[in-house]
Amino acid sequence: MKDTYTYQIGNNLYINLTNRCSNRCTFCVRNGKEMYEGYALWLKGGEPTAEAVKEEIGDPARYGEVVFCGFGEPTERLADMLDICDYVHAHGGRTRLNTNGHGSLIAGENIAPRLKGKLDGVNVSLNAPTKEEYDALCRPQLEGAFGAMLAFARDCRAAGVDVWFSVVDCIGQEKVELCRKIADGVGIPLRVRPMID
């Protein structure tokens, strides 16, 4: 079966740039699966080039959004992601990043200013109200991941990037409300999304 670089759900086109990820989330749809929504998202033949992705996108204006969200963390491929963003915008499309918020930690520098004008929205997965709970739920592979994720969201806001936090409803209403307090405390909206079975 051919590797899937792009896949459509509803009116959005999703970009599967990499399977590398700095988290090992207990709830992740990739756990024990090669398929999602009928698409094979494990990249067995290697990561796609930016040119191959652009070719598959074609006319981005056909879609509501072009979303960087696959079986890995898109900021692991930051330069290629931004290159694809330029292509999408040049052809009348909109872009969004779904991220664990570790991009700056992965890069070793604040990447938020580089996202301005490239991404129309950034969805940062908060998912837990404390470092301890985050570490247990998301099992980060990098030191300082929880604090780096919060700092990344604040840096995006400071850079003028439209950013919001998200949590998965499987953590329970009490923890959702604690996450809302964290989000309110840094002035960033929180969206609650349903657990994907």
N, C-alpha and C. Protein backbone atom coordinates (compact mmCIF):
# COMPACT_ATOMS: atom_id res chain seq x y z
N MET A 1 0.84 -1.19 0.00
CA MET A 1 0.00 0.00 0.00
C MET A 1 0.89 1.25 0.00
N LYS A 2 0.53 2.21 -0.84
CA LYS A 2 1.31 3.43 -0.97
C LYS A 2 1.23 4.28 0.30
N ASP A 3 2.36 4.88 0.68
CA ASP A 3 2.36 5.78 1.83
C ASP A 3 1.43 6.96 1.57
N THR A 4 0.79 7.42 2.63
CA THR A 4 -0.14 8.54 2.53
C THR A 4 0.53 9.82 3.00
N TYR A 5 0.72 10.75 2.09
CA TYR A 5 1.31 12.05 2.43
C TYR A 5 0.23 13.08 2.72
N THR A 6 -0.90 12.97 2.06
CA THR A 6 -2.03 13.88 2.29
C THR A 6 -3.30 13.05 2.36
N TYR A 7 -4.24 13.50 3.18
CA TYR A 7 -5.51 12.78 3.29
C TYR A 7 -6.61 13.77 3.62
N GLN A 8 -7.79 13.52 3.07
CA GLN A 8 -8.90 14.45 3.23
C GLN A 8 -9.92 13.91 4.21
N ILE A 9 -10.32 14.77 5.16
CA ILE A 9 -11.43 14.47 6.06
C ILE A 9 -12.35 15.69 6.02
N GLY A 10 -13.59 15.46 5.66
CA GLY A 10 -14.50 16.59 5.49
C GLY A 10 -13.98 17.50 4.39
N ASN A 11 -13.94 18.80 4.69
CA ASN A 11 -13.49 19.77 3.69
C ASN A 11 -12.04 20.17 3.89
N ASN A 12 -11.33 19.51 4.80
CA ASN A 12 -9.94 19.85 5.07
C ASN A 12 -8.99 18.80 4.49
N LEU A 13 -7.81 19.25 4.10
CA LEU A 13 -6.76 18.35 3.65
C LEU A 13 -5.67 18.31 4.72
N TYR A 14 -5.29 17.11 5.13
CA TYR A 14 -4.31 16.93 6.20
C TYR A 14 -2.99 16.46 5.61
N ILE A 15 -1.91 16.97 6.19
CA ILE A 15 -0.56 16.68 5.70
C ILE A 15 0.16 15.78 6.70
N ASN A 16 0.62 14.63 6.24
CA ASN A 16 1.31 13.64 7.06
C ASN A 16 2.80 13.70 6.73
N LEU A 17 3.51 14.63 7.38
CA LEU A 17 4.92 14.91 7.04
C LEU A 17 5.91 13.92 7.63
N THR A 18 5.57 13.35 8.79
CA THR A 18 6.55 12.55 9.52
C THR A 18 5.86 11.63 10.51
N ASN A 19 6.53 10.57 10.89
CA ASN A 19 6.07 9.73 12.00
C ASN A 19 6.87 9.99 13.27
N ARG A 20 7.87 10.88 13.17
CA ARG A 20 8.64 11.22 14.36
C ARG A 20 7.79 12.06 15.31
N CYS A 21 7.88 11.77 16.60
CA CYS A 21 7.15 12.56 17.59
C CYS A 21 7.90 12.55 18.91
N SER A 22 7.84 13.68 19.60
CA SER A 22 8.52 13.82 20.89
C SER A 22 7.64 13.38 22.05
N ASN A 23 6.42 12.95 21.78
CA ASN A 23 5.53 12.38 22.79
C ASN A 23 5.19 10.93 22.44
N ARG A 24 4.72 10.22 23.45
CA ARG A 24 4.19 8.87 23.26
C ARG A 24 2.83 8.81 23.97
N CYS A 25 1.90 9.65 23.55
CA CYS A 25 0.63 9.84 24.26
C CYS A 25 -0.15 8.53 24.39
N THR A 26 -0.68 8.32 25.58
CA THR A 26 -1.42 7.08 25.85
C THR A 26 -2.70 7.00 25.02
N PHE A 27 -3.25 8.14 24.62
CA PHE A 27 -4.52 8.18 23.90
C PHE A 27 -4.35 8.34 22.39
N CYS A 28 -3.13 8.38 21.89
CA CYS A 28 -2.88 8.71 20.49
C CYS A 28 -3.49 7.66 19.55
N VAL A 29 -4.10 8.14 18.46
CA VAL A 29 -4.73 7.23 17.51
C VAL A 29 -3.71 6.34 16.80
N ARG A 30 -2.44 6.70 16.85
CA ARG A 30 -1.45 5.90 16.15
C ARG A 30 -1.01 4.68 16.96
N ASN A 31 -1.40 4.60 18.22
CA ASN A 31 -0.98 3.49 19.06
C ASN A 31 -1.56 2.17 18.54
N GLY A 32 -0.68 1.31 18.08
CA GLY A 32 -1.11 0.01 17.60
C GLY A 32 -1.85 0.03 16.28
N LYS A 33 -1.85 1.17 15.59
CA LYS A 33 -2.58 1.28 14.34
C LYS A 33 -1.67 1.76 13.22
N GLU A 34 -1.96 1.27 12.04
CA GLU A 34 -1.31 1.81 10.86
C GLU A 34 -2.30 2.65 10.06
N MET A 35 -3.59 2.47 10.37
CA MET A 35 -4.64 3.12 9.60
C MET A 35 -5.39 4.14 10.44
N TYR A 36 -5.87 5.18 9.78
CA TYR A 36 -6.75 6.15 10.41
C TYR A 36 -7.73 6.65 9.35
N GLU A 37 -9.02 6.52 9.65
CA GLU A 37 -10.06 6.95 8.71
C GLU A 37 -9.85 6.34 7.33
N GLY A 38 -9.33 5.10 7.31
CA GLY A 38 -9.12 4.42 6.04
C GLY A 38 -7.81 4.74 5.35
N TYR A 39 -6.99 5.60 5.96
CA TYR A 39 -5.71 6.00 5.36
C TYR A 39 -4.55 5.31 6.08
N ALA A 40 -3.55 4.87 5.32
CA ALA A 40 -2.34 4.28 5.89
C ALA A 40 -1.35 5.41 6.20
N LEU A 41 -1.20 5.75 7.48
CA LEU A 41 -0.41 6.93 7.85
C LEU A 41 1.00 6.61 8.35
N TRP A 42 1.32 5.32 8.54
CA TRP A 42 2.71 4.99 8.85
C TRP A 42 3.52 5.12 7.57
N LEU A 43 4.57 5.93 7.61
CA LEU A 43 5.39 6.19 6.43
C LEU A 43 6.49 5.13 6.34
N LYS A 44 6.23 4.09 5.60
CA LYS A 44 7.18 2.98 5.51
C LYS A 44 8.28 3.25 4.49
N GLY A 45 8.00 4.15 3.55
CA GLY A 45 8.98 4.44 2.51
C GLY A 45 9.81 5.68 2.77
N GLY A 46 9.71 6.23 3.97
CA GLY A 46 10.44 7.45 4.30
C GLY A 46 9.56 8.68 4.23
N GLU A 47 10.06 9.78 4.74
CA GLU A 47 9.28 11.02 4.79
C GLU A 47 9.18 11.65 3.40
N PRO A 48 8.04 12.26 3.09
CA PRO A 48 7.88 12.88 1.77
C PRO A 48 8.68 14.16 1.65
N THR A 49 9.07 14.50 0.45
CA THR A 49 9.68 15.80 0.20
C THR A 49 8.57 16.85 0.19
N ALA A 50 8.96 18.09 0.39
CA ALA A 50 7.99 19.19 0.31
C ALA A 50 7.38 19.24 -1.09
N GLU A 51 8.16 18.97 -2.11
CA GLU A 51 7.66 19.01 -3.48
C GLU A 51 6.60 17.94 -3.72
N ALA A 52 6.82 16.75 -3.16
CA ALA A 52 5.85 15.67 -3.32
C ALA A 52 4.53 16.03 -2.65
N VAL A 53 4.61 16.69 -1.49
CA VAL A 53 3.40 17.11 -0.78
C VAL A 53 2.66 18.17 -1.58
N LYS A 54 3.40 19.16 -2.09
CA LYS A 54 2.76 20.22 -2.88
C LYS A 54 2.05 19.64 -4.10
N GLU A 55 2.68 18.67 -4.73
CA GLU A 55 2.08 18.05 -5.90
C GLU A 55 0.75 17.39 -5.54
N GLU A 56 0.71 16.73 -4.37
CA GLU A 56 -0.53 16.08 -3.94
C GLU A 56 -1.59 17.11 -3.52
N ILE A 57 -1.16 18.22 -2.97
CA ILE A 57 -2.13 19.26 -2.57
C ILE A 57 -2.84 19.81 -3.80
N GLY A 58 -2.08 20.08 -4.84
CA GLY A 58 -2.69 20.67 -6.03
C GLY A 58 -3.20 22.07 -5.74
N ASP A 59 -4.49 22.29 -5.91
CA ASP A 59 -5.09 23.60 -5.65
C ASP A 59 -5.59 23.66 -4.21
N PRO A 60 -4.87 24.33 -3.30
CA PRO A 60 -5.28 24.35 -1.89
C PRO A 60 -6.55 25.12 -1.62
N ALA A 61 -6.94 25.98 -2.55
CA ALA A 61 -8.17 26.77 -2.37
C ALA A 61 -9.41 25.90 -2.41
N ARG A 62 -9.26 24.64 -2.84
CA ARG A 62 -10.40 23.70 -2.86
C ARG A 62 -10.81 23.30 -1.45
N TYR A 63 -9.93 23.50 -0.49
CA TYR A 63 -10.14 23.00 0.88
C TYR A 63 -10.43 24.13 1.85
N GLY A 64 -11.12 23.79 2.92
CA GLY A 64 -11.33 24.77 3.98
C GLY A 64 -10.01 25.18 4.60
N GLU A 65 -9.19 24.17 4.91
CA GLU A 65 -7.85 24.40 5.47
C GLU A 65 -6.94 23.27 5.01
N VAL A 66 -5.66 23.59 4.94
CA VAL A 66 -4.62 22.57 4.81
C VAL A 66 -3.99 22.45 6.19
N VAL A 67 -4.11 21.27 6.79
CA VAL A 67 -3.76 21.08 8.20
C VAL A 67 -2.56 20.15 8.33
N PHE A 68 -1.53 20.61 9.03
CA PHE A 68 -0.37 19.76 9.31
C PHE A 68 -0.69 18.91 10.53
N CYS A 69 -1.03 17.65 10.28
CA CYS A 69 -1.46 16.74 11.35
C CYS A 69 -1.47 15.33 10.78
N GLY A 70 -0.49 14.52 11.17
CA GLY A 70 -0.44 13.14 10.72
C GLY A 70 -0.14 12.22 11.88
N PHE A 71 0.71 11.24 11.63
CA PHE A 71 1.10 10.31 12.69
C PHE A 71 2.40 10.74 13.36
N GLY A 72 2.73 12.02 13.29
CA GLY A 72 3.94 12.53 13.94
C GLY A 72 3.79 14.01 14.22
N GLU A 73 4.81 14.61 14.79
CA GLU A 73 4.82 16.02 15.15
C GLU A 73 5.35 16.84 13.96
N PRO A 74 4.51 17.66 13.34
CA PRO A 74 4.93 18.37 12.11
C PRO A 74 6.14 19.27 12.27
N THR A 75 6.35 19.85 13.46
CA THR A 75 7.48 20.76 13.63
C THR A 75 8.82 20.02 13.62
N GLU A 76 8.81 18.70 13.61
CA GLU A 76 10.04 17.94 13.38
C GLU A 76 10.57 18.23 11.98
N ARG A 77 9.68 18.71 11.09
CA ARG A 77 10.04 19.05 9.70
C ARG A 77 9.74 20.52 9.45
N LEU A 78 10.23 21.39 10.32
CA LEU A 78 9.84 22.80 10.32
C LEU A 78 10.08 23.47 8.97
N ALA A 79 11.27 23.35 8.41
CA ALA A 79 11.59 24.06 7.15
C ALA A 79 10.66 23.61 6.03
N ASP A 80 10.43 22.32 5.92
CA ASP A 80 9.55 21.82 4.87
C ASP A 80 8.11 22.25 5.11
N MET A 81 7.68 22.26 6.37
CA MET A 81 6.33 22.70 6.69
C MET A 81 6.13 24.16 6.27
N LEU A 82 7.09 25.02 6.57
CA LEU A 82 6.97 26.43 6.22
C LEU A 82 7.02 26.63 4.70
N ASP A 83 7.80 25.83 4.02
CA ASP A 83 7.85 25.87 2.55
C ASP A 83 6.48 25.53 1.97
N ILE A 84 5.84 24.51 2.51
CA ILE A 84 4.51 24.11 2.05
C ILE A 84 3.49 25.19 2.38
N CYS A 85 3.63 25.83 3.54
CA CYS A 85 2.74 26.95 3.89
C CYS A 85 2.82 28.06 2.84
N ASP A 86 4.02 28.38 2.39
CA ASP A 86 4.19 29.42 1.37
C ASP A 86 3.45 29.03 0.09
N TYR A 87 3.56 27.77 -0.29
CA TYR A 87 2.86 27.28 -1.49
C TYR A 87 1.35 27.42 -1.32
N VAL A 88 0.84 26.99 -0.17
CA VAL A 88 -0.60 27.03 0.08
C VAL A 88 -1.11 28.47 0.02
N HIS A 89 -0.42 29.39 0.68
CA HIS A 89 -0.85 30.79 0.69
C HIS A 89 -0.74 31.43 -0.70
N ALA A 90 0.29 31.06 -1.43
CA ALA A 90 0.48 31.63 -2.77
C ALA A 90 -0.63 31.20 -3.72
N HIS A 91 -1.32 30.12 -3.36
CA HIS A 91 -2.39 29.61 -4.22
C HIS A 91 -3.76 29.73 -3.55
N GLY A 92 -3.87 30.68 -2.60
CA GLY A 92 -5.18 31.04 -2.06
C GLY A 92 -5.73 30.14 -0.97
N GLY A 93 -4.88 29.34 -0.34
CA GLY A 93 -5.35 28.44 0.71
C GLY A 93 -5.06 28.95 2.11
N ARG A 94 -5.60 28.23 3.09
CA ARG A 94 -5.38 28.53 4.50
C ARG A 94 -4.67 27.37 5.16
N THR A 95 -3.89 27.68 6.21
CA THR A 95 -3.07 26.65 6.87
C THR A 95 -3.33 26.60 8.36
N ARG A 96 -3.21 25.40 8.91
CA ARG A 96 -3.30 25.22 10.37
C ARG A 96 -2.29 24.17 10.78
N LEU A 97 -1.75 24.34 11.98
CA LEU A 97 -0.84 23.36 12.57
C LEU A 97 -1.49 22.76 13.81
N ASN A 98 -1.57 21.43 13.86
CA ASN A 98 -1.91 20.73 15.09
C ASN A 98 -0.60 20.21 15.68
N THR A 99 -0.26 20.66 16.88
CA THR A 99 1.08 20.39 17.42
C THR A 99 1.05 20.05 18.90
N ASN A 100 2.08 19.33 19.34
CA ASN A 100 2.23 19.09 20.77
C ASN A 100 2.93 20.27 21.45
N GLY A 101 3.34 21.26 20.68
CA GLY A 101 3.93 22.46 21.26
C GLY A 101 5.41 22.33 21.60
N HIS A 102 6.06 21.29 21.08
CA HIS A 102 7.47 21.09 21.41
C HIS A 102 8.41 21.63 20.33
N GLY A 103 7.86 22.37 19.35
CA GLY A 103 8.67 22.81 18.22
C GLY A 103 9.92 23.58 18.60
N SER A 104 9.79 24.49 19.54
CA SER A 104 10.96 25.28 19.96
C SER A 104 11.95 24.42 20.72
N LEU A 105 11.43 23.47 21.52
CA LEU A 105 12.30 22.56 22.26
C LEU A 105 13.07 21.67 21.29
N ILE A 106 12.39 21.19 20.25
CA ILE A 106 13.03 20.35 19.24
C ILE A 106 14.10 21.15 18.50
N ALA A 107 13.79 22.40 18.14
CA ALA A 107 14.71 23.22 17.35
C ALA A 107 15.84 23.82 18.18
N GLY A 108 15.62 23.91 19.49
CA GLY A 108 16.62 24.54 20.35
C GLY A 108 16.58 26.05 20.31
N GLU A 109 15.47 26.62 19.79
CA GLU A 109 15.30 28.07 19.72
C GLU A 109 13.81 28.37 19.59
N ASN A 110 13.44 29.61 19.86
CA ASN A 110 12.05 30.04 19.73
C ASN A 110 11.67 30.12 18.25
N ILE A 111 10.80 29.21 17.80
CA ILE A 111 10.42 29.19 16.39
C ILE A 111 9.16 30.01 16.11
N ALA A 112 8.49 30.49 17.16
CA ALA A 112 7.20 31.17 16.97
C ALA A 112 7.26 32.33 15.97
N PRO A 113 8.27 33.20 16.01
CA PRO A 113 8.30 34.30 15.03
C PRO A 113 8.34 33.81 13.58
N ARG A 114 8.87 32.62 13.35
CA ARG A 114 8.95 32.08 11.99
C ARG A 114 7.59 31.60 11.50
N LEU A 115 6.64 31.42 12.41
CA LEU A 115 5.31 30.91 12.04
C LEU A 115 4.37 32.03 11.61
N LYS A 116 4.71 33.27 11.99
CA LYS A 116 3.88 34.42 11.65
C LYS A 116 3.78 34.57 10.14
N GLY A 117 2.54 34.66 9.64
CA GLY A 117 2.33 34.78 8.21
C GLY A 117 2.39 33.48 7.45
N LYS A 118 2.80 32.42 8.13
CA LYS A 118 2.87 31.09 7.50
C LYS A 118 1.66 30.24 7.88
N LEU A 119 1.27 30.33 9.15
CA LEU A 119 0.16 29.52 9.66
C LEU A 119 -1.00 30.42 10.05
N ASP A 120 -2.19 30.10 9.58
CA ASP A 120 -3.37 30.88 9.93
C ASP A 120 -3.91 30.50 11.31
N GLY A 121 -3.50 29.35 11.83
CA GLY A 121 -3.91 28.93 13.16
C GLY A 121 -2.98 27.86 13.69
N VAL A 122 -2.77 27.88 15.01
CA VAL A 122 -1.93 26.87 15.66
C VAL A 122 -2.71 26.29 16.84
N ASN A 123 -2.95 24.99 16.79
CA ASN A 123 -3.65 24.27 17.84
C ASN A 123 -2.62 23.51 18.67
N VAL A 124 -2.42 23.93 19.92
CA VAL A 124 -1.43 23.32 20.81
C VAL A 124 -2.15 22.37 21.76
N SER A 125 -1.73 21.10 21.76
CA SER A 125 -2.34 20.11 22.65
C SER A 125 -1.83 20.31 24.07
N LEU A 126 -2.73 20.76 24.95
CA LEU A 126 -2.39 20.97 26.36
C LEU A 126 -2.54 19.64 27.11
N ASN A 127 -3.75 19.12 27.12
CA ASN A 127 -4.08 17.75 27.53
C ASN A 127 -3.94 17.41 29.00
N ALA A 128 -3.29 18.21 29.81
CA ALA A 128 -3.21 17.93 31.24
C ALA A 128 -2.89 19.22 31.99
N PRO A 129 -3.39 19.35 33.23
CA PRO A 129 -3.22 20.60 33.97
C PRO A 129 -1.92 20.73 34.75
N THR A 130 -1.17 19.63 34.91
CA THR A 130 0.10 19.70 35.65
C THR A 130 1.18 18.93 34.90
N LYS A 131 2.43 19.25 35.23
CA LYS A 131 3.56 18.55 34.60
C LYS A 131 3.48 17.05 34.88
N GLU A 132 3.15 16.70 36.10
CA GLU A 132 3.12 15.28 36.48
C GLU A 132 2.08 14.52 35.67
N GLU A 133 0.89 15.12 35.56
CA GLU A 133 -0.18 14.46 34.80
C GLU A 133 0.14 14.44 33.31
N TYR A 134 0.74 15.53 32.83
CA TYR A 134 1.14 15.59 31.42
C TYR A 134 2.16 14.49 31.11
N ASP A 135 3.15 14.35 31.99
CA ASP A 135 4.19 13.34 31.77
C ASP A 135 3.59 11.93 31.75
N ALA A 136 2.60 11.68 32.61
CA ALA A 136 1.98 10.36 32.68
C ALA A 136 1.10 10.10 31.45
N LEU A 137 0.40 11.13 31.00
CA LEU A 137 -0.55 10.99 29.89
C LEU A 137 0.14 11.03 28.53
N CYS A 138 1.09 11.96 28.38
CA CYS A 138 1.72 12.20 27.07
C CYS A 138 3.09 11.56 26.92
N ARG A 139 3.69 11.14 28.03
CA ARG A 139 4.98 10.45 28.04
C ARG A 139 6.01 11.11 27.11
N PRO A 140 6.33 12.39 27.38
CA PRO A 140 7.28 13.11 26.53
C PRO A 140 8.67 12.49 26.56
N GLN A 141 9.34 12.58 25.43
CA GLN A 141 10.69 12.03 25.29
C GLN A 141 11.77 13.09 25.48
N LEU A 142 11.35 14.33 25.73
CA LEU A 142 12.28 15.43 25.92
C LEU A 142 12.09 16.04 27.31
N GLU A 143 13.17 16.42 27.94
CA GLU A 143 13.11 17.05 29.25
C GLU A 143 12.47 18.44 29.15
N GLY A 144 11.64 18.76 30.14
CA GLY A 144 11.04 20.09 30.19
C GLY A 144 9.92 20.30 29.18
N ALA A 145 9.32 19.21 28.71
CA ALA A 145 8.34 19.30 27.63
C ALA A 145 7.09 20.10 28.02
N PHE A 146 6.58 19.91 29.23
CA PHE A 146 5.35 20.60 29.64
C PHE A 146 5.56 22.11 29.66
N GLY A 147 6.62 22.56 30.31
CA GLY A 147 6.93 23.99 30.36
C GLY A 147 7.22 24.55 28.99
N ALA A 148 7.90 23.77 28.14
CA ALA A 148 8.23 24.22 26.78
C ALA A 148 6.97 24.38 25.95
N MET A 149 5.99 23.50 26.16
CA MET A 149 4.72 23.58 25.43
C MET A 149 3.97 24.86 25.81
N LEU A 150 3.92 25.17 27.11
CA LEU A 150 3.25 26.40 27.54
C LEU A 150 3.97 27.63 27.01
N ALA A 151 5.30 27.60 27.05
CA ALA A 151 6.08 28.74 26.55
C ALA A 151 5.89 28.92 25.04
N PHE A 152 5.79 27.82 24.31
CA PHE A 152 5.59 27.89 22.87
C PHE A 152 4.27 28.59 22.54
N ALA A 153 3.21 28.23 23.27
CA ALA A 153 1.91 28.87 23.05
C ALA A 153 1.98 30.36 23.34
N ARG A 154 2.64 30.73 24.46
CA ARG A 154 2.78 32.16 24.80
C ARG A 154 3.60 32.88 23.73
N ASP A 155 4.65 32.22 23.24
CA ASP A 155 5.50 32.84 22.22
C ASP A 155 4.74 33.04 20.91
N CYS A 156 3.87 32.08 20.57
CA CYS A 156 3.04 32.24 19.37
C CYS A 156 2.14 33.45 19.51
N ARG A 157 1.50 33.58 20.67
CA ARG A 157 0.62 34.72 20.89
C ARG A 157 1.41 36.03 20.79
N ALA A 158 2.59 36.05 21.40
CA ALA A 158 3.43 37.26 21.37
C ALA A 158 3.87 37.60 19.94
N ALA A 159 4.02 36.57 19.11
CA ALA A 159 4.46 36.78 17.73
C ALA A 159 3.30 37.16 16.81
N GLY A 160 2.09 37.18 17.36
CA GLY A 160 0.93 37.55 16.55
C GLY A 160 0.33 36.39 15.77
N VAL A 161 0.63 35.17 16.21
CA VAL A 161 0.07 33.97 15.58
C VAL A 161 -1.23 33.60 16.29
N ASP A 162 -2.28 33.28 15.55
CA ASP A 162 -3.54 32.85 16.14
C ASP A 162 -3.35 31.47 16.75
N VAL A 163 -3.40 31.38 18.08
CA VAL A 163 -3.07 30.14 18.78
C VAL A 163 -4.15 29.82 19.81
N TRP A 164 -4.38 28.54 20.01
CA TRP A 164 -5.30 28.10 21.07
C TRP A 164 -4.81 26.76 21.60
N PHE A 165 -5.21 26.46 22.82
CA PHE A 165 -4.94 25.16 23.42
C PHE A 165 -6.10 24.22 23.12
N SER A 166 -5.81 22.91 23.12
CA SER A 166 -6.88 21.92 23.07
C SER A 166 -6.60 20.84 24.10
N VAL A 167 -7.69 20.24 24.57
CA VAL A 167 -7.60 19.06 25.44
C VAL A 167 -8.57 18.02 24.91
N VAL A 168 -8.31 16.77 25.21
CA VAL A 168 -9.19 15.67 24.83
C VAL A 168 -10.13 15.40 26.00
N ASP A 169 -11.40 15.23 25.70
CA ASP A 169 -12.40 15.12 26.77
C ASP A 169 -12.24 13.88 27.65
N CYS A 170 -11.40 12.92 27.23
CA CYS A 170 -11.22 11.70 28.02
C CYS A 170 -10.54 11.96 29.36
N ILE A 171 -9.96 13.16 29.55
CA ILE A 171 -9.30 13.44 30.83
C ILE A 171 -10.31 13.77 31.94
N GLY A 172 -11.57 13.97 31.58
CA GLY A 172 -12.60 14.23 32.59
C GLY A 172 -12.83 15.72 32.78
N GLN A 173 -14.06 16.05 33.22
CA GLN A 173 -14.48 17.45 33.31
C GLN A 173 -13.66 18.24 34.32
N GLU A 174 -13.31 17.63 35.43
CA GLU A 174 -12.55 18.34 36.47
C GLU A 174 -11.20 18.80 35.93
N LYS A 175 -10.50 17.90 35.22
CA LYS A 175 -9.19 18.26 34.67
C LYS A 175 -9.33 19.24 33.51
N VAL A 176 -10.42 19.11 32.75
CA VAL A 176 -10.67 20.08 31.68
C VAL A 176 -10.76 21.48 32.26
N GLU A 177 -11.48 21.61 33.39
CA GLU A 177 -11.63 22.94 34.00
C GLU A 177 -10.30 23.45 34.56
N LEU A 178 -9.46 22.56 35.08
CA LEU A 178 -8.14 22.97 35.55
C LEU A 178 -7.28 23.45 34.36
N CYS A 179 -7.41 22.76 33.23
CA CYS A 179 -6.71 23.18 32.02
C CYS A 179 -7.21 24.54 31.55
N ARG A 180 -8.52 24.76 31.71
CA ARG A 180 -9.09 26.04 31.31
C ARG A 180 -8.48 27.18 32.14
N LYS A 181 -8.24 26.92 33.42
CA LYS A 181 -7.61 27.94 34.28
C LYS A 181 -6.20 28.26 33.81
N ILE A 182 -5.45 27.22 33.41
CA ILE A 182 -4.10 27.44 32.89
C ILE A 182 -4.17 28.29 31.63
N ALA A 183 -5.08 27.92 30.73
CA ALA A 183 -5.22 28.66 29.47
C ALA A 183 -5.62 30.11 29.72
N ASP A 184 -6.60 30.30 30.62
CA ASP A 184 -7.03 31.66 30.96
C ASP A 184 -5.88 32.46 31.56
N GLY A 185 -5.04 31.78 32.36
CA GLY A 185 -3.94 32.45 33.03
C GLY A 185 -2.89 33.00 32.08
N VAL A 186 -2.78 32.38 30.90
CA VAL A 186 -1.81 32.88 29.92
C VAL A 186 -2.53 33.57 28.75
N GLY A 187 -3.85 33.74 28.88
CA GLY A 187 -4.60 34.51 27.89
C GLY A 187 -4.76 33.82 26.55
N ILE A 188 -4.85 32.49 26.57
CA ILE A 188 -4.99 31.72 25.33
C ILE A 188 -6.26 30.88 25.41
N PRO A 189 -7.10 30.89 24.38
CA PRO A 189 -8.36 30.12 24.44
C PRO A 189 -8.11 28.62 24.56
N LEU A 190 -9.11 27.93 25.11
CA LEU A 190 -9.05 26.46 25.22
C LEU A 190 -10.23 25.86 24.47
N ARG A 191 -9.94 24.85 23.66
CA ARG A 191 -10.98 24.09 22.97
C ARG A 191 -10.94 22.64 23.45
N VAL A 192 -12.10 22.08 23.72
CA VAL A 192 -12.20 20.69 24.16
C VAL A 192 -12.61 19.84 22.97
N ARG A 193 -11.83 18.81 22.67
CA ARG A 193 -12.16 17.96 21.52
C ARG A 193 -12.47 16.54 21.98
N PRO A 194 -13.33 15.85 21.26
CA PRO A 194 -13.72 14.50 21.68
C PRO A 194 -12.60 13.50 21.44
N MET A 195 -12.55 12.49 22.29
CA MET A 195 -11.61 11.38 22.12
C MET A 195 -11.93 10.66 20.82
N ILE A 196 -10.91 10.34 20.03
CA ILE A 196 -11.10 9.59 18.80
C ILE A 196 -10.97 8.10 19.12
N ASP A 197 -12.02 7.34 18.85
CA ASP A 197 -11.98 5.90 19.12
C ASP A 197 -11.08 5.19 18.12
